[in-house]
Amino acid sequence: MVADRDIERAVAVLRKGGLVAFPTETVYGLGADAGNPAAVRKIFETKGRPAAHPVIVHLADAVQLANWAREVPAAAHALARRFWPGPLTLILSRAKGVSDVVTGGQDTVALRVPSHPLAQQLLAGFGGGIAAPSANRHGRVSATTADHVRREFGAAVECVLDGGEAGIGIESTIIDLSRGNATLLRPGWITAGEIEKALGAPLTAPGPEPPRAPGSLAAHYAPRTPLTLADGDLALELAASLVRQGRRVAVLARSSAKPLLQGLEWATAPQDAAGYAHALYASLRRLDEAGCDAIIVEKPPQSPEWAAINDRLARAATGSAAPDAT
């Protein structure tokens, strides 16, 4: 249970330029005062994050948009009314005075209003924007519990607010509105169809050089253990082949029927998209810590409600070297 004094301490840490990890409805964030470039640099140093990779600025409400964006188009107001507070990030043209450290040197800034009660308390108490990428080492599996954060960073993060498990479990949808049309840069729990319905217009495809967006690198969300995606029975065949070679294998499966094989670490994923998303990063972390030589993930369905999950798994596979089954 987080008490008022914990929020007060977290606010004090932010105001003196320190780092605070806090829960959002998506994943845990590693936060710093977005108006303090030196504080934001600590995020990059602690995570090992490339300086050109922008961070999301979290706000208490949509009223604060004008402090961070020089232009707030009608589409941004429409999406904010429909989805904020919630798991949606908007990319807008940045206001004068927004630091290059926050934006990765771009002329755009990523903004969102989280719905988690603790995030809201922290933002209200702080009174300004909090820059906060996911609270994990750069490119690795996102943190969905306070324990994940503590194990990842130890004393490097001065204050960790424990809000239990993140409810959604995967990062926010990112929509670029900085170039006139609405463009999806990262799928999230709010689907492309829901965005289009709220706008009353279709999303457009990204141009040749879209803004760099948080969490959109080809290799991201990856465990240290090599991860491979495979369809249904092929996933089990690959796992069996590797076990026969004397390797220890972890499997994130859709089936609960575990094969009778020695050297197999088995996790059964929830069948529904919401349950799968909620458990995904915790499952990958557990399998990554099992001391195996490979992780095999049975591919989920390819329907729209699974788009964000499939995006994260594809990036996780790219971010780790795939095992050779031959």
Protein backbone atom coordinates (compact mmCIF):
# COMPACT_ATOMS: atom_id res chain seq x y z
CA MET A 1 0.00 0.00 0.00
CA VAL A 2 1.40 3.39 -1.02
CA ALA A 3 0.81 6.14 1.53
CA ASP A 4 0.64 9.89 0.99
CA ARG A 5 4.15 10.21 2.45
CA ASP A 6 5.44 7.88 -0.31
CA ILE A 7 3.99 10.18 -2.96
CA GLU A 8 5.47 13.19 -1.16
CA ARG A 9 8.88 11.51 -1.10
CA ALA A 10 8.63 10.66 -4.80
CA VAL A 11 7.73 14.27 -5.62
CA ALA A 12 10.71 15.47 -3.58
CA VAL A 13 13.03 13.11 -5.47
CA LEU A 14 11.75 14.41 -8.81
CA ARG A 15 12.15 18.04 -7.75
CA LYS A 16 15.78 17.52 -6.78
CA GLY A 17 16.53 15.88 -10.12
CA GLY A 18 16.34 12.22 -9.12
CA LEU A 19 14.69 9.16 -10.66
CA VAL A 20 11.35 7.67 -9.59
CA ALA A 21 9.87 4.42 -10.90
CA PHE A 22 6.09 4.40 -10.88
CA PRO A 23 3.24 2.27 -12.20
CA THR A 24 1.07 3.15 -15.15
CA GLU A 25 -1.78 1.10 -16.56
CA THR A 26 0.58 -0.17 -19.30
CA VAL A 27 3.99 -0.87 -17.70
CA TYR A 28 6.18 0.71 -15.01
CA GLY A 29 7.90 3.93 -16.00
CA LEU A 30 11.31 5.28 -15.02
CA GLY A 31 10.58 8.93 -14.43
CA ALA A 32 12.39 12.25 -14.13
CA ASP A 33 11.39 15.91 -14.25
CA ALA A 34 10.79 16.48 -17.96
CA GLY A 35 11.69 20.15 -17.55
CA ASN A 36 15.14 19.30 -16.17
CA PRO A 37 17.51 18.11 -18.94
CA ALA A 38 20.13 16.91 -16.45
CA ALA A 39 17.53 14.77 -14.68
CA VAL A 40 16.27 13.31 -17.95
CA ARG A 41 19.85 12.42 -18.93
CA LYS A 42 19.97 10.23 -15.83
CA ILE A 43 17.19 8.12 -17.38
CA PHE A 44 19.32 7.54 -20.47
CA GLU A 45 22.41 6.78 -18.42
CA THR A 46 20.59 4.39 -16.11
CA LYS A 47 18.80 2.52 -18.88
CA GLY A 48 21.69 2.59 -21.35
CA ARG A 49 19.28 4.24 -23.79
CA PRO A 50 20.58 5.88 -27.00
CA ALA A 51 20.40 9.68 -26.80
CA ALA A 52 18.51 9.91 -30.10
CA HIS A 53 15.65 7.72 -28.80
CA PRO A 54 12.93 10.07 -27.44
CA VAL A 55 10.96 9.55 -24.24
CA ILE A 56 7.28 10.03 -23.45
CA VAL A 57 6.27 12.97 -21.26
CA HIS A 58 3.47 12.00 -18.87
CA LEU A 59 0.95 14.70 -17.94
CA ALA A 60 -1.78 14.94 -15.32
CA ASP A 61 -4.41 16.05 -17.84
CA ALA A 62 -4.93 17.27 -21.39
CA VAL A 63 -4.98 20.91 -20.24
CA GLN A 64 -1.18 20.69 -19.99
CA LEU A 65 -0.80 19.93 -23.71
CA ALA A 66 -0.33 23.61 -24.45
CA ASN A 67 2.79 23.64 -22.24
CA TRP A 68 4.49 21.00 -24.36
CA ALA A 69 3.09 21.26 -27.89
CA ARG A 70 3.13 24.40 -30.04
CA GLU A 71 0.23 23.10 -32.12
CA VAL A 72 -2.63 20.95 -30.82
CA PRO A 73 -4.78 19.95 -33.81
CA ALA A 74 -8.45 19.06 -33.59
CA ALA A 75 -7.56 15.38 -33.97
CA ALA A 76 -5.46 15.55 -30.80
CA HIS A 77 -8.35 17.04 -28.84
CA ALA A 78 -10.69 14.36 -30.21
CA LEU A 79 -8.37 11.51 -29.22
CA ALA A 80 -7.64 13.05 -25.81
CA ARG A 81 -11.38 13.34 -25.08
CA ARG A 82 -11.96 9.74 -26.09
CA PHE A 83 -8.92 7.95 -24.64
CA TRP A 84 -7.29 10.07 -21.90
CA PRO A 85 -6.50 9.21 -19.22
CA GLY A 86 -5.41 5.97 -20.86
CA PRO A 87 -2.86 4.01 -22.91
CA LEU A 88 -2.49 6.42 -25.83
CA THR A 89 0.56 8.55 -26.70
CA LEU A 90 0.29 11.49 -29.11
CA ILE A 91 3.24 12.86 -31.04
CA LEU A 92 2.90 16.60 -31.65
CA SER A 93 5.11 19.47 -32.72
CA ARG A 94 7.04 20.46 -29.63
CA ALA A 95 6.68 23.77 -27.85
CA LYS A 96 9.55 26.22 -27.51
CA GLY A 97 11.67 25.30 -24.53
CA VAL A 98 11.10 21.53 -24.64
CA SER A 99 14.52 19.95 -24.25
CA ASP A 100 16.32 18.08 -27.02
CA VAL A 101 17.11 15.46 -24.38
CA VAL A 102 13.38 14.65 -24.13
CA THR A 103 12.73 14.65 -27.87
CA GLY A 104 15.89 12.97 -29.08
CA GLY A 105 16.74 16.17 -30.93
CA GLN A 106 13.56 16.10 -33.00
CA ASP A 107 10.97 18.84 -33.48
CA THR A 108 8.28 16.60 -32.00
CA VAL A 109 7.36 15.51 -28.49
CA ALA A 110 5.52 12.37 -27.28
CA LEU A 111 2.79 13.04 -24.69
CA ARG A 112 0.28 10.99 -22.75
CA VAL A 113 -2.00 11.10 -19.70
CA PRO A 114 -1.84 7.79 -17.78
CA SER A 115 -4.86 6.44 -15.93
CA HIS A 116 -3.20 4.52 -13.09
CA PRO A 117 -4.26 6.12 -9.76
CA LEU A 118 -0.68 6.26 -8.43
CA ALA A 119 0.59 7.85 -11.63
CA GLN A 120 -2.20 10.41 -11.36
CA GLN A 121 -1.36 11.13 -7.71
CA LEU A 122 2.32 11.54 -8.55
CA LEU A 123 1.64 13.86 -11.49
CA ALA A 124 -0.82 15.95 -9.50
CA GLY A 125 1.62 16.27 -6.62
CA PHE A 126 4.53 17.11 -8.89
CA GLY A 127 2.59 19.60 -10.99
CA GLY A 128 4.61 19.19 -14.18
CA GLY A 129 5.52 16.73 -16.89
CA ILE A 130 7.37 13.53 -16.02
CA ALA A 131 9.57 12.00 -18.72
CA ALA A 132 9.28 8.25 -18.35
CA PRO A 133 10.22 5.40 -20.67
CA SER A 134 9.66 1.86 -19.41
CA ALA A 135 11.60 0.99 -16.25
CA ASN A 136 14.04 -1.57 -17.68
CA ARG A 137 17.41 -1.71 -19.40
CA HIS A 138 17.23 -0.42 -22.96
CA GLY A 139 15.94 -2.99 -25.42
CA ARG A 140 15.05 -5.51 -22.72
CA VAL A 141 11.74 -6.82 -21.39
CA SER A 142 9.58 -4.09 -19.87
CA ALA A 143 8.81 -4.05 -16.15
CA THR A 144 5.23 -4.75 -15.06
CA THR A 145 5.82 -4.95 -11.28
CA ALA A 146 7.81 -2.94 -8.76
CA ASP A 147 9.90 -6.05 -8.07
CA HIS A 148 10.96 -6.16 -11.73
CA VAL A 149 12.22 -2.58 -11.37
CA ARG A 150 14.11 -3.24 -8.14
CA ARG A 151 15.78 -6.35 -9.55
CA GLU A 152 16.71 -4.49 -12.73
CA PHE A 153 18.19 -1.34 -11.19
CA GLY A 154 18.71 -1.85 -7.46
CA ALA A 155 19.81 1.33 -5.71
CA ALA A 156 20.25 3.22 -8.99
CA VAL A 157 16.58 4.26 -8.74
CA GLU A 158 16.09 6.23 -5.57
CA CYS A 159 12.32 5.75 -5.23
CA VAL A 160 10.03 2.95 -6.49
CA LEU A 161 6.27 3.33 -6.05
CA ASP A 162 4.65 -0.09 -5.82
CA GLY A 163 1.23 -0.16 -7.45
CA GLY A 164 1.01 -3.91 -7.96
CA GLU A 165 0.94 -5.50 -11.40
CA ALA A 166 0.42 -3.21 -14.38
CA GLY A 167 -3.11 -3.80 -15.59
CA ILE A 168 -2.62 -3.87 -19.37
CA GLY A 169 0.95 -5.12 -19.49
CA ILE A 170 2.11 -3.71 -22.84
CA GLU A 171 3.05 -0.19 -23.83
CA SER A 172 0.75 2.54 -25.15
CA THR A 173 -0.46 3.02 -28.70
CA ILE A 174 1.51 5.83 -30.38
CA ILE A 175 -0.17 8.12 -32.92
CA ASP A 176 1.74 10.80 -34.83
CA LEU A 177 -0.26 13.98 -35.43
CA SER A 178 2.70 16.25 -36.18
CA ARG A 179 2.43 16.10 -39.97
CA GLY A 180 -1.23 16.73 -40.66
CA ASN A 181 -2.55 13.18 -40.92
CA ALA A 182 -2.91 10.65 -38.13
CA THR A 183 -0.33 7.86 -38.40
CA LEU A 184 0.10 4.76 -36.24
CA LEU A 185 3.75 4.46 -35.15
CA ARG A 186 3.35 1.77 -32.47
CA PRO A 187 0.35 -0.50 -31.90
CA GLY A 188 -0.96 -0.80 -28.36
CA TRP A 189 -4.05 -1.89 -26.48
CA ILE A 190 -6.09 0.85 -28.16
CA THR A 191 -6.42 -0.57 -31.66
CA ALA A 192 -6.09 1.17 -35.01
CA GLY A 193 -9.79 0.59 -35.57
CA GLU A 194 -10.69 2.37 -32.34
CA ILE A 195 -8.49 5.32 -33.30
CA GLU A 196 -10.10 5.56 -36.73
CA LYS A 197 -13.57 5.42 -35.20
CA ALA A 198 -12.74 8.25 -32.80
CA LEU A 199 -11.29 10.37 -35.62
CA GLY A 200 -13.96 9.49 -38.17
CA ALA A 201 -11.16 9.02 -40.69
CA PRO A 202 -8.65 6.32 -41.64
CA LEU A 203 -5.09 6.30 -40.38
CA THR A 204 -2.43 6.99 -42.97
CA ALA A 205 0.73 5.00 -43.55
CA PRO A 206 3.96 6.44 -42.12
CA GLY A 207 5.98 8.53 -44.57
CA PRO A 208 9.56 7.71 -45.59
CA GLU A 209 11.01 9.40 -42.47
CA PRO A 210 8.44 9.35 -39.65
CA PRO A 211 9.34 10.80 -36.27
CA ARG A 212 11.39 8.45 -34.13
CA ALA A 213 8.98 7.07 -31.55
CA PRO A 214 9.65 5.41 -28.18
CA GLY A 215 9.81 1.63 -28.30
CA SER A 216 9.67 1.42 -32.09
CA LEU A 217 13.15 0.05 -32.81
CA ALA A 218 13.17 -3.21 -34.75
CA ALA A 219 14.92 -4.92 -31.83
CA HIS A 220 13.22 -4.23 -28.51
CA TYR A 221 11.43 -5.86 -25.54
CA ALA A 222 13.91 -8.73 -25.77
CA PRO A 223 15.00 -11.30 -23.18
CA ARG A 224 18.70 -12.16 -22.99
CA THR A 225 17.93 -15.77 -23.87
CA PRO A 226 17.57 -16.23 -27.66
CA LEU A 227 13.86 -16.18 -28.56
CA THR A 228 12.19 -17.72 -31.61
CA LEU A 229 8.57 -17.45 -32.76
CA ALA A 230 6.99 -20.50 -34.35
CA ASP A 231 3.51 -21.60 -35.42
CA GLY A 232 1.59 -24.15 -33.37
CA ASP A 233 3.01 -27.65 -33.79
CA LEU A 234 6.21 -26.23 -35.28
CA ALA A 235 6.96 -24.56 -31.96
CA LEU A 236 6.81 -27.92 -30.19
CA GLU A 237 8.85 -29.62 -32.92
CA LEU A 238 11.55 -26.97 -32.62
CA ALA A 239 11.58 -27.30 -28.84
CA ALA A 240 11.84 -31.09 -29.07
CA SER A 241 14.64 -30.84 -31.64
CA LEU A 242 16.66 -28.56 -29.38
CA VAL A 243 16.07 -30.77 -26.33
CA ARG A 244 17.31 -33.79 -28.26
CA GLN A 245 20.50 -31.83 -28.93
CA GLY A 246 20.99 -31.56 -25.19
CA ARG A 247 19.83 -27.97 -24.85
CA ARG A 248 17.50 -26.67 -22.16
CA VAL A 249 14.47 -24.98 -23.71
CA ALA A 250 11.77 -22.68 -22.35
CA VAL A 251 8.40 -22.58 -24.12
CA LEU A 252 5.64 -19.97 -23.94
CA ALA A 253 2.78 -22.02 -25.32
CA ARG A 254 -0.88 -21.61 -26.15
CA SER A 255 -1.51 -25.21 -25.17
CA SER A 256 -1.55 -26.48 -21.59
CA ALA A 257 -0.53 -29.99 -22.72
CA LYS A 258 3.16 -30.06 -21.80
CA PRO A 259 5.18 -32.70 -23.70
CA LEU A 260 6.97 -35.32 -21.62
CA LEU A 261 10.48 -34.06 -22.33
CA GLN A 262 13.35 -33.58 -19.91
CA GLY A 263 15.02 -30.18 -20.04
CA LEU A 264 11.82 -28.30 -20.92
CA GLU A 265 10.62 -25.24 -19.02
CA TRP A 266 6.93 -24.69 -19.82
CA ALA A 267 4.62 -21.69 -19.43
CA THR A 268 1.03 -21.65 -20.67
CA ALA A 269 -0.13 -18.26 -21.92
CA PRO A 270 -3.73 -17.07 -21.40
CA GLN A 271 -5.98 -17.75 -24.37
CA ASP A 272 -7.52 -14.28 -24.54
CA ALA A 273 -5.63 -11.23 -25.83
CA ALA A 274 -6.13 -9.16 -22.66
CA GLY A 275 -4.88 -11.94 -20.41
CA TYR A 276 -1.97 -12.68 -22.71
CA ALA A 277 -0.88 -9.04 -22.81
CA HIS A 278 -1.15 -8.72 -19.03
CA ALA A 279 1.05 -11.78 -18.44
CA LEU A 280 3.45 -11.45 -21.40
CA TYR A 281 6.41 -9.60 -19.90
CA ALA A 282 6.26 -11.39 -16.57
CA SER A 283 6.24 -14.71 -18.46
CA LEU A 284 9.21 -13.70 -20.61
CA ARG A 285 11.13 -12.58 -17.55
CA ARG A 286 10.46 -15.86 -15.74
CA LEU A 287 11.50 -17.93 -18.76
CA ASP A 288 14.56 -15.74 -19.27
CA GLU A 289 15.65 -16.44 -15.69
CA ALA A 290 15.19 -20.21 -16.03
CA GLY A 291 18.74 -20.75 -17.26
CA CYS A 292 17.71 -22.18 -20.62
CA ASP A 293 19.52 -22.01 -23.94
CA ALA A 294 16.49 -20.90 -25.93
CA ILE A 295 12.96 -19.56 -25.59
CA ILE A 296 10.35 -20.77 -28.07
CA VAL A 297 7.11 -18.77 -28.29
CA GLU A 298 4.07 -20.24 -29.99
CA LYS A 299 2.71 -17.50 -32.24
CA PRO A 300 -0.59 -15.97 -31.11
CA PRO A 301 -3.47 -15.32 -33.55
CA GLN A 302 -2.96 -12.64 -36.19
CA SER A 303 -6.31 -10.86 -35.70
CA PRO A 304 -6.46 -7.08 -34.94
CA GLU A 305 -6.87 -7.43 -31.17
CA TRP A 306 -3.53 -9.29 -31.09
CA ALA A 307 -1.64 -6.70 -33.19
CA ALA A 308 0.25 -5.08 -30.29
CA ILE A 309 1.19 -8.46 -28.79
CA ASN A 310 2.51 -9.70 -32.12
CA ASP A 311 4.43 -6.44 -32.56
CA ARG A 312 6.17 -6.88 -29.19
CA LEU A 313 6.99 -10.54 -29.83
CA ALA A 314 8.42 -9.80 -33.28
CA ARG A 315 10.69 -7.10 -31.83
CA ALA A 316 11.68 -9.40 -28.96
CA ALA A 317 12.69 -12.10 -31.44
CA THR A 318 14.69 -9.59 -33.48
CA GLY A 319 16.40 -8.38 -30.32
CA SER A 320 17.77 -11.81 -29.49
CA ALA A 321 19.74 -14.29 -31.57
CA ALA A 322 17.53 -17.16 -32.73
CA PRO A 323 18.72 -20.70 -31.94
CA ASP A 324 19.78 -23.02 -34.74
CA ALA A 325 17.63 -26.16 -34.76
CA THR A 326 19.69 -27.92 -37.42
